Amino acid sequence: MSQKSHIEQMLERDGVIVYKTRGVSMRPMLKQNRDLVTVRKFEGRLKKYDVPLYRRKTGGYVLHRIIGLKDDCYIIRGDNTFKKEYVPDSEVLGVLTEFKRKGRDHSVDSAGYKLYARFWNLIYPLRWVMRKSKVLGSKVKRFIFRRK
């Protein structure tokens, strides 16, 4: 039986945790060491575009966006990543309800936030092509300059 972390204990006890983000996987929405996120305990089924907090089997905690639903799991990807993860309901601990940037609160229920979440997911194919083009360009550049 695994021991519950401080995060899980706080969520169970208080039903909410507030913390500063770490990592770059949710950029541009969340910036590392700048933004405060509020995650509330959640039971039941989340929906597309929700941002759950989940614990990976390796023990790490992650906030990524739901991009699809299956009967037994969520299809999840960070806003700044390109790899899908399949996360079972049992690994979800809570859901992002708001975040604070530069002293201003942003609710996931606001129209602006909902528009952002849908737009960012909609342009994923374009972002993927741009990323692959940049990587290919770097490889070509290294190849050309290595030959001189």
N, C-alpha and C. Protein backbone atom coordinates (compact mmCIF):
# COMPACT_ATOMS: atom_id res chain seq x y z
N MET A 1 0.85 -1.18 0.00
CA MET A 1 0.00 0.00 0.00
C MET A 1 0.90 1.24 0.00
N SER A 2 0.63 2.17 -0.94
CA SER A 2 1.46 3.37 -1.02
C SER A 2 1.03 4.40 0.01
N GLN A 3 2.00 5.14 0.48
CA GLN A 3 1.74 6.17 1.47
C GLN A 3 1.25 7.43 0.74
N LYS A 4 0.27 8.11 1.31
CA LYS A 4 -0.26 9.32 0.69
C LYS A 4 0.67 10.49 0.94
N SER A 5 0.84 11.28 -0.09
CA SER A 5 1.72 12.45 0.00
C SER A 5 1.02 13.59 0.73
N HIS A 6 1.78 14.61 0.98
CA HIS A 6 1.26 15.82 1.62
C HIS A 6 0.14 16.43 0.76
N ILE A 7 0.32 16.42 -0.54
CA ILE A 7 -0.70 16.95 -1.47
C ILE A 7 -2.01 16.18 -1.31
N GLU A 8 -1.92 14.88 -1.33
CA GLU A 8 -3.13 14.06 -1.23
C GLU A 8 -3.79 14.21 0.15
N GLN A 9 -2.98 14.30 1.18
CA GLN A 9 -3.53 14.50 2.53
C GLN A 9 -4.27 15.83 2.64
N MET A 10 -3.68 16.89 2.08
CA MET A 10 -4.33 18.21 2.11
C MET A 10 -5.63 18.21 1.31
N LEU A 11 -5.62 17.57 0.17
CA LEU A 11 -6.85 17.51 -0.63
C LEU A 11 -7.95 16.76 0.10
N GLU A 12 -7.59 15.65 0.75
CA GLU A 12 -8.58 14.90 1.51
C GLU A 12 -9.11 15.69 2.70
N ARG A 13 -8.18 16.36 3.41
CA ARG A 13 -8.57 17.09 4.61
C ARG A 13 -9.34 18.37 4.30
N ASP A 14 -8.81 19.19 3.37
CA ASP A 14 -9.37 20.52 3.11
C ASP A 14 -10.24 20.58 1.86
N GLY A 15 -10.07 19.61 0.97
CA GLY A 15 -10.83 19.62 -0.27
C GLY A 15 -10.27 20.56 -1.32
N VAL A 16 -9.17 21.25 -0.99
CA VAL A 16 -8.58 22.22 -1.92
C VAL A 16 -7.10 22.39 -1.61
N ILE A 17 -6.30 22.63 -2.64
CA ILE A 17 -4.90 23.02 -2.46
C ILE A 17 -4.61 24.18 -3.41
N VAL A 18 -3.73 25.06 -2.97
CA VAL A 18 -3.28 26.19 -3.78
C VAL A 18 -1.76 26.14 -3.78
N TYR A 19 -1.17 26.18 -4.96
CA TYR A 19 0.28 26.11 -5.03
C TYR A 19 0.79 26.77 -6.30
N LYS A 20 2.10 27.10 -6.30
CA LYS A 20 2.75 27.66 -7.48
C LYS A 20 3.10 26.54 -8.44
N THR A 21 2.94 26.82 -9.72
CA THR A 21 3.20 25.80 -10.72
C THR A 21 4.70 25.60 -10.90
N ARG A 22 5.03 24.38 -11.33
CA ARG A 22 6.40 24.01 -11.71
C ARG A 22 6.33 23.33 -13.06
N GLY A 23 7.31 23.57 -13.87
CA GLY A 23 7.38 22.94 -15.18
C GLY A 23 6.79 23.82 -16.27
N VAL A 24 7.00 23.39 -17.51
CA VAL A 24 6.58 24.20 -18.67
C VAL A 24 5.51 23.51 -19.52
N SER A 25 5.00 22.40 -19.07
CA SER A 25 4.09 21.62 -19.91
C SER A 25 2.73 22.28 -20.13
N MET A 26 2.36 23.26 -19.33
CA MET A 26 1.06 23.93 -19.52
C MET A 26 1.21 25.38 -20.01
N ARG A 27 2.38 25.72 -20.52
CA ARG A 27 2.55 27.04 -21.12
C ARG A 27 1.76 27.08 -22.41
N PRO A 28 1.21 28.14 -22.83
CA PRO A 28 1.34 29.49 -22.29
C PRO A 28 0.35 29.82 -21.17
N MET A 29 -0.58 28.91 -20.87
CA MET A 29 -1.58 29.22 -19.86
C MET A 29 -0.96 29.40 -18.48
N LEU A 30 -0.10 28.48 -18.08
CA LEU A 30 0.51 28.53 -16.75
C LEU A 30 2.02 28.66 -16.90
N LYS A 31 2.59 29.61 -16.20
CA LYS A 31 4.03 29.83 -16.26
C LYS A 31 4.67 29.42 -14.94
N GLN A 32 5.77 28.68 -15.05
CA GLN A 32 6.48 28.15 -13.89
C GLN A 32 6.88 29.25 -12.91
N ASN A 33 6.67 28.97 -11.63
CA ASN A 33 7.05 29.85 -10.52
C ASN A 33 6.41 31.23 -10.57
N ARG A 34 5.39 31.41 -11.40
CA ARG A 34 4.71 32.69 -11.46
C ARG A 34 3.26 32.55 -11.04
N ASP A 35 2.60 31.54 -11.54
CA ASP A 35 1.15 31.42 -11.36
C ASP A 35 0.79 30.52 -10.19
N LEU A 36 -0.27 30.91 -9.49
CA LEU A 36 -0.84 30.09 -8.43
C LEU A 36 -2.05 29.36 -8.99
N VAL A 37 -2.14 28.08 -8.72
CA VAL A 37 -3.30 27.31 -9.17
C VAL A 37 -4.10 26.84 -7.96
N THR A 38 -5.40 26.75 -8.15
CA THR A 38 -6.30 26.21 -7.14
C THR A 38 -6.87 24.91 -7.69
N VAL A 39 -6.65 23.85 -6.96
CA VAL A 39 -7.15 22.53 -7.35
C VAL A 39 -8.09 22.06 -6.26
N ARG A 40 -9.27 21.64 -6.68
CA ARG A 40 -10.27 21.15 -5.73
C ARG A 40 -10.46 19.65 -5.93
N LYS A 41 -10.73 18.99 -4.82
CA LYS A 41 -11.03 17.56 -4.86
C LYS A 41 -12.24 17.36 -5.76
N PHE A 42 -12.20 16.29 -6.53
CA PHE A 42 -13.29 16.04 -7.47
C PHE A 42 -13.59 14.56 -7.50
N GLU A 43 -14.85 14.25 -7.45
CA GLU A 43 -15.29 12.86 -7.60
C GLU A 43 -16.31 12.82 -8.71
N GLY A 44 -16.30 11.76 -9.45
CA GLY A 44 -17.20 11.65 -10.59
C GLY A 44 -16.40 11.69 -11.87
N ARG A 45 -17.05 12.07 -12.93
CA ARG A 45 -16.42 12.07 -14.25
C ARG A 45 -16.13 13.50 -14.70
N LEU A 46 -14.90 13.74 -15.10
CA LEU A 46 -14.53 15.03 -15.64
C LEU A 46 -14.94 15.11 -17.11
N LYS A 47 -14.82 16.29 -17.70
CA LYS A 47 -15.20 16.46 -19.10
C LYS A 47 -14.04 17.00 -19.91
N LYS A 48 -14.20 16.96 -21.21
CA LYS A 48 -13.18 17.44 -22.12
C LYS A 48 -12.84 18.89 -21.77
N TYR A 49 -11.55 19.20 -21.84
CA TYR A 49 -10.95 20.51 -21.54
C TYR A 49 -10.74 20.77 -20.05
N ASP A 50 -11.24 19.93 -19.15
CA ASP A 50 -10.90 20.06 -17.74
C ASP A 50 -9.40 19.80 -17.58
N VAL A 51 -8.83 20.32 -16.50
CA VAL A 51 -7.41 20.13 -16.22
C VAL A 51 -7.28 19.42 -14.87
N PRO A 52 -7.19 18.10 -14.90
CA PRO A 52 -7.08 17.35 -13.64
C PRO A 52 -5.66 17.35 -13.09
N LEU A 53 -5.58 17.22 -11.77
CA LEU A 53 -4.32 16.92 -11.11
C LEU A 53 -4.32 15.41 -10.93
N TYR A 54 -3.28 14.77 -11.44
CA TYR A 54 -3.21 13.32 -11.28
C TYR A 54 -1.81 12.91 -10.89
N ARG A 55 -1.74 11.72 -10.33
CA ARG A 55 -0.47 11.16 -9.89
C ARG A 55 -0.07 10.05 -10.85
N ARG A 56 1.11 10.23 -11.43
CA ARG A 56 1.62 9.19 -12.32
C ARG A 56 2.08 7.99 -11.50
N LYS A 57 2.17 6.86 -12.15
CA LYS A 57 2.64 5.65 -11.47
C LYS A 57 4.05 5.84 -10.91
N THR A 58 4.82 6.74 -11.52
CA THR A 58 6.18 7.03 -11.05
C THR A 58 6.18 7.90 -9.80
N GLY A 59 5.00 8.43 -9.41
CA GLY A 59 4.89 9.23 -8.21
C GLY A 59 4.77 10.72 -8.44
N GLY A 60 5.05 11.19 -9.65
CA GLY A 60 4.98 12.62 -9.95
C GLY A 60 3.54 13.10 -10.08
N TYR A 61 3.33 14.37 -9.74
CA TYR A 61 2.01 14.99 -9.86
C TYR A 61 1.99 15.89 -11.08
N VAL A 62 0.89 15.82 -11.83
CA VAL A 62 0.81 16.52 -13.11
C VAL A 62 -0.55 17.19 -13.26
N LEU A 63 -0.53 18.40 -13.84
CA LEU A 63 -1.75 19.09 -14.28
C LEU A 63 -1.68 19.16 -15.80
N HIS A 64 -2.54 18.42 -16.48
CA HIS A 64 -2.62 18.46 -17.94
C HIS A 64 -4.08 18.47 -18.35
N ARG A 65 -4.33 18.90 -19.58
CA ARG A 65 -5.68 19.07 -20.07
C ARG A 65 -6.26 17.78 -20.66
N ILE A 66 -7.53 17.55 -20.40
CA ILE A 66 -8.23 16.41 -21.01
C ILE A 66 -8.58 16.79 -22.44
N ILE A 67 -8.12 15.97 -23.39
CA ILE A 67 -8.40 16.23 -24.80
C ILE A 67 -9.36 15.19 -25.38
N GLY A 68 -9.67 14.18 -24.60
CA GLY A 68 -10.60 13.15 -25.04
C GLY A 68 -11.01 12.26 -23.88
N LEU A 69 -12.11 11.56 -24.08
CA LEU A 69 -12.64 10.67 -23.04
C LEU A 69 -12.81 9.27 -23.59
N LYS A 70 -12.51 8.29 -22.75
CA LYS A 70 -12.82 6.88 -23.02
C LYS A 70 -13.63 6.39 -21.83
N ASP A 71 -14.23 5.23 -21.95
CA ASP A 71 -15.03 4.71 -20.85
C ASP A 71 -14.23 4.51 -19.57
N ASP A 72 -12.97 4.08 -19.72
CA ASP A 72 -12.17 3.72 -18.55
C ASP A 72 -11.04 4.69 -18.23
N CYS A 73 -10.88 5.75 -19.05
CA CYS A 73 -9.78 6.68 -18.80
C CYS A 73 -9.98 8.00 -19.53
N TYR A 74 -9.07 8.93 -19.24
CA TYR A 74 -9.04 10.22 -19.92
C TYR A 74 -7.83 10.25 -20.85
N ILE A 75 -7.97 10.91 -21.98
CA ILE A 75 -6.84 11.16 -22.86
C ILE A 75 -6.38 12.58 -22.53
N ILE A 76 -5.13 12.70 -22.12
CA ILE A 76 -4.64 13.95 -21.54
C ILE A 76 -3.35 14.36 -22.24
N ARG A 77 -3.19 15.70 -22.37
CA ARG A 77 -1.95 16.23 -22.93
C ARG A 77 -1.72 17.62 -22.34
N GLY A 78 -0.49 17.95 -22.05
CA GLY A 78 -0.16 19.30 -21.61
C GLY A 78 -0.31 20.28 -22.76
N ASP A 79 -0.63 21.53 -22.47
CA ASP A 79 -0.81 22.53 -23.52
C ASP A 79 0.47 22.76 -24.31
N ASN A 80 1.63 22.49 -23.72
CA ASN A 80 2.91 22.73 -24.36
C ASN A 80 3.64 21.41 -24.65
N THR A 81 2.89 20.32 -24.74
CA THR A 81 3.50 19.02 -25.03
C THR A 81 2.80 18.40 -26.23
N PHE A 82 3.36 17.31 -26.72
CA PHE A 82 2.83 16.68 -27.93
C PHE A 82 2.52 15.21 -27.73
N LYS A 83 2.70 14.71 -26.53
CA LYS A 83 2.45 13.30 -26.26
C LYS A 83 1.17 13.13 -25.44
N LYS A 84 0.33 12.21 -25.88
CA LYS A 84 -0.90 11.90 -25.14
C LYS A 84 -0.58 10.94 -24.00
N GLU A 85 -1.36 11.08 -22.94
CA GLU A 85 -1.30 10.12 -21.84
C GLU A 85 -2.71 9.58 -21.63
N TYR A 86 -2.79 8.35 -21.19
CA TYR A 86 -4.09 7.73 -20.89
C TYR A 86 -4.13 7.54 -19.37
N VAL A 87 -5.01 8.29 -18.73
CA VAL A 87 -5.04 8.35 -17.28
C VAL A 87 -6.36 7.79 -16.76
N PRO A 88 -6.31 6.70 -15.97
CA PRO A 88 -7.55 6.15 -15.40
C PRO A 88 -8.13 7.07 -14.33
N ASP A 89 -9.42 6.98 -14.14
CA ASP A 89 -10.11 7.79 -13.11
C ASP A 89 -9.43 7.67 -11.75
N SER A 90 -8.92 6.49 -11.43
CA SER A 90 -8.34 6.25 -10.11
C SER A 90 -7.09 7.07 -9.83
N GLU A 91 -6.43 7.60 -10.87
CA GLU A 91 -5.22 8.40 -10.68
C GLU A 91 -5.52 9.89 -10.53
N VAL A 92 -6.77 10.30 -10.80
CA VAL A 92 -7.15 11.71 -10.72
C VAL A 92 -7.45 12.06 -9.26
N LEU A 93 -6.80 13.13 -8.79
CA LEU A 93 -6.96 13.55 -7.40
C LEU A 93 -7.86 14.78 -7.27
N GLY A 94 -7.82 15.64 -8.25
CA GLY A 94 -8.59 16.88 -8.19
C GLY A 94 -8.63 17.52 -9.56
N VAL A 95 -9.22 18.72 -9.62
CA VAL A 95 -9.35 19.42 -10.89
C VAL A 95 -9.07 20.91 -10.67
N LEU A 96 -8.39 21.50 -11.64
CA LEU A 96 -8.10 22.93 -11.61
C LEU A 96 -9.41 23.70 -11.68
N THR A 97 -9.59 24.66 -10.75
CA THR A 97 -10.81 25.47 -10.77
C THR A 97 -10.51 26.94 -11.04
N GLU A 98 -9.28 27.36 -10.73
CA GLU A 98 -8.89 28.73 -11.03
C GLU A 98 -7.38 28.85 -10.94
N PHE A 99 -6.87 29.94 -11.49
CA PHE A 99 -5.45 30.25 -11.35
C PHE A 99 -5.29 31.75 -11.23
N LYS A 100 -4.17 32.14 -10.64
CA LYS A 100 -3.91 33.56 -10.40
C LYS A 100 -2.62 33.94 -11.10
N ARG A 101 -2.71 34.98 -11.92
CA ARG A 101 -1.55 35.49 -12.64
C ARG A 101 -1.47 36.98 -12.42
N LYS A 102 -0.30 37.44 -11.98
CA LYS A 102 -0.07 38.87 -11.74
C LYS A 102 -1.18 39.49 -10.89
N GLY A 103 -1.59 38.76 -9.85
CA GLY A 103 -2.58 39.27 -8.92
C GLY A 103 -4.02 39.20 -9.41
N ARG A 104 -4.23 38.67 -10.59
CA ARG A 104 -5.59 38.60 -11.16
C ARG A 104 -6.07 37.16 -11.19
N ASP A 105 -7.29 36.94 -10.69
CA ASP A 105 -7.87 35.59 -10.67
C ASP A 105 -8.51 35.26 -12.01
N HIS A 106 -8.34 34.00 -12.43
CA HIS A 106 -8.93 33.50 -13.67
C HIS A 106 -9.68 32.21 -13.35
N SER A 107 -10.97 32.20 -13.60
CA SER A 107 -11.79 31.03 -13.34
C SER A 107 -11.88 30.17 -14.59
N VAL A 108 -11.89 28.85 -14.39
CA VAL A 108 -12.06 27.95 -15.54
C VAL A 108 -13.50 27.98 -16.04
N ASP A 109 -14.38 28.67 -15.34
CA ASP A 109 -15.77 28.81 -15.77
C ASP A 109 -15.99 30.05 -16.64
N SER A 110 -14.96 30.90 -16.77
CA SER A 110 -15.12 32.13 -17.55
C SER A 110 -15.16 31.84 -19.04
N ALA A 111 -15.82 32.69 -19.77
CA ALA A 111 -15.94 32.53 -21.23
C ALA A 111 -14.56 32.62 -21.90
N GLY A 112 -13.70 33.53 -21.42
CA GLY A 112 -12.37 33.67 -22.00
C GLY A 112 -11.53 32.42 -21.84
N TYR A 113 -11.60 31.83 -20.66
CA TYR A 113 -10.85 30.60 -20.42
C TYR A 113 -11.36 29.47 -21.32
N LYS A 114 -12.66 29.33 -21.40
CA LYS A 114 -13.23 28.25 -22.22
C LYS A 114 -12.85 28.41 -23.68
N LEU A 115 -12.85 29.66 -24.17
CA LEU A 115 -12.44 29.93 -25.54
C LEU A 115 -10.98 29.55 -25.74
N TYR A 116 -10.12 29.94 -24.79
CA TYR A 116 -8.69 29.59 -24.87
C TYR A 116 -8.51 28.07 -24.96
N ALA A 117 -9.15 27.33 -24.06
CA ALA A 117 -8.97 25.88 -24.00
C ALA A 117 -9.37 25.22 -25.32
N ARG A 118 -10.47 25.64 -25.89
CA ARG A 118 -10.93 25.05 -27.15
C ARG A 118 -10.03 25.45 -28.31
N PHE A 119 -9.65 26.73 -28.36
CA PHE A 119 -8.79 27.22 -29.43
C PHE A 119 -7.43 26.53 -29.39
N TRP A 120 -6.83 26.44 -28.21
CA TRP A 120 -5.51 25.83 -28.09
C TRP A 120 -5.54 24.37 -28.52
N ASN A 121 -6.61 23.67 -28.22
CA ASN A 121 -6.74 22.28 -28.66
C ASN A 121 -6.99 22.21 -30.17
N LEU A 122 -7.76 23.14 -30.69
CA LEU A 122 -8.08 23.17 -32.12
C LEU A 122 -6.83 23.37 -32.97
N ILE A 123 -5.90 24.22 -32.53
CA ILE A 123 -4.71 24.50 -33.34
C ILE A 123 -3.57 23.52 -33.06
N TYR A 124 -3.83 22.46 -32.31
CA TYR A 124 -2.78 21.48 -32.01
C TYR A 124 -2.07 20.98 -33.28
N PRO A 125 -2.81 20.60 -34.34
CA PRO A 125 -2.09 20.11 -35.53
C PRO A 125 -1.12 21.15 -36.11
N LEU A 126 -1.50 22.40 -36.11
CA LEU A 126 -0.63 23.46 -36.60
C LEU A 126 0.60 23.60 -35.69
N ARG A 127 0.39 23.56 -34.38
CA ARG A 127 1.51 23.65 -33.45
C ARG A 127 2.46 22.47 -33.63
N TRP A 128 1.92 21.28 -33.89
CA TRP A 128 2.74 20.09 -34.09
C TRP A 128 3.60 20.25 -35.34
N VAL A 129 3.00 20.73 -36.44
CA VAL A 129 3.75 20.93 -37.68
C VAL A 129 4.85 21.97 -37.48
N MET A 130 4.53 23.05 -36.79
CA MET A 130 5.52 24.09 -36.53
C MET A 130 6.68 23.53 -35.71
N ARG A 131 6.38 22.73 -34.72
CA ARG A 131 7.43 22.14 -33.88
C ARG A 131 8.32 21.21 -34.69
N LYS A 132 7.70 20.34 -35.51
CA LYS A 132 8.48 19.41 -36.32
C LYS A 132 9.33 20.16 -37.34
N SER A 133 8.79 21.25 -37.91
CA SER A 133 9.55 22.05 -38.87
C SER A 133 10.76 22.69 -38.21
N LYS A 134 10.59 23.17 -37.00
CA LYS A 134 11.69 23.79 -36.26
C LYS A 134 12.78 22.77 -35.97
N VAL A 135 12.39 21.57 -35.55
CA VAL A 135 13.36 20.51 -35.27
C VAL A 135 14.10 20.12 -36.54
N LEU A 136 13.36 19.96 -37.63
CA LEU A 136 13.98 19.60 -38.91
C LEU A 136 14.93 20.70 -39.37
N GLY A 137 14.50 21.95 -39.25
CA GLY A 137 15.36 23.07 -39.62
C GLY A 137 16.66 23.09 -38.85
N SER A 138 16.59 22.80 -37.57
CA SER A 138 17.80 22.76 -36.74
C SER A 138 18.74 21.65 -37.20
N LYS A 139 18.18 20.50 -37.54
CA LYS A 139 19.01 19.38 -38.00
C LYS A 139 19.68 19.71 -39.33
N VAL A 140 18.94 20.33 -40.24
CA VAL A 140 19.50 20.71 -41.54
C VAL A 140 20.60 21.74 -41.34
N LYS A 141 20.38 22.70 -40.49
CA LYS A 141 21.37 23.75 -40.20
C LYS A 141 22.65 23.13 -39.64
N ARG A 142 22.52 22.22 -38.69
CA ARG A 142 23.70 21.56 -38.12
C ARG A 142 24.44 20.76 -39.19
N PHE A 143 23.69 20.09 -40.06
CA PHE A 143 24.30 19.29 -41.12
C PHE A 143 25.08 20.17 -42.08
N ILE A 144 24.50 21.29 -42.49
CA ILE A 144 25.15 22.20 -43.44
C ILE A 144 26.41 22.80 -42.84
N PHE A 145 26.32 23.29 -41.61
CA PHE A 145 27.47 23.95 -41.01
C PHE A 145 28.54 22.96 -40.56
N ARG A 146 28.20 21.74 -40.36
CA ARG A 146 29.18 20.72 -39.99
C ARG A 146 30.06 20.38 -41.21
N ARG A 147 29.51 20.49 -42.39
CA ARG A 147 30.22 20.12 -43.61
C ARG A 147 31.22 21.18 -44.04
N LYS A 148 31.09 22.40 -43.57
CA LYS A 148 32.00 23.49 -44.02
C LYS A 148 33.33 23.40 -43.33
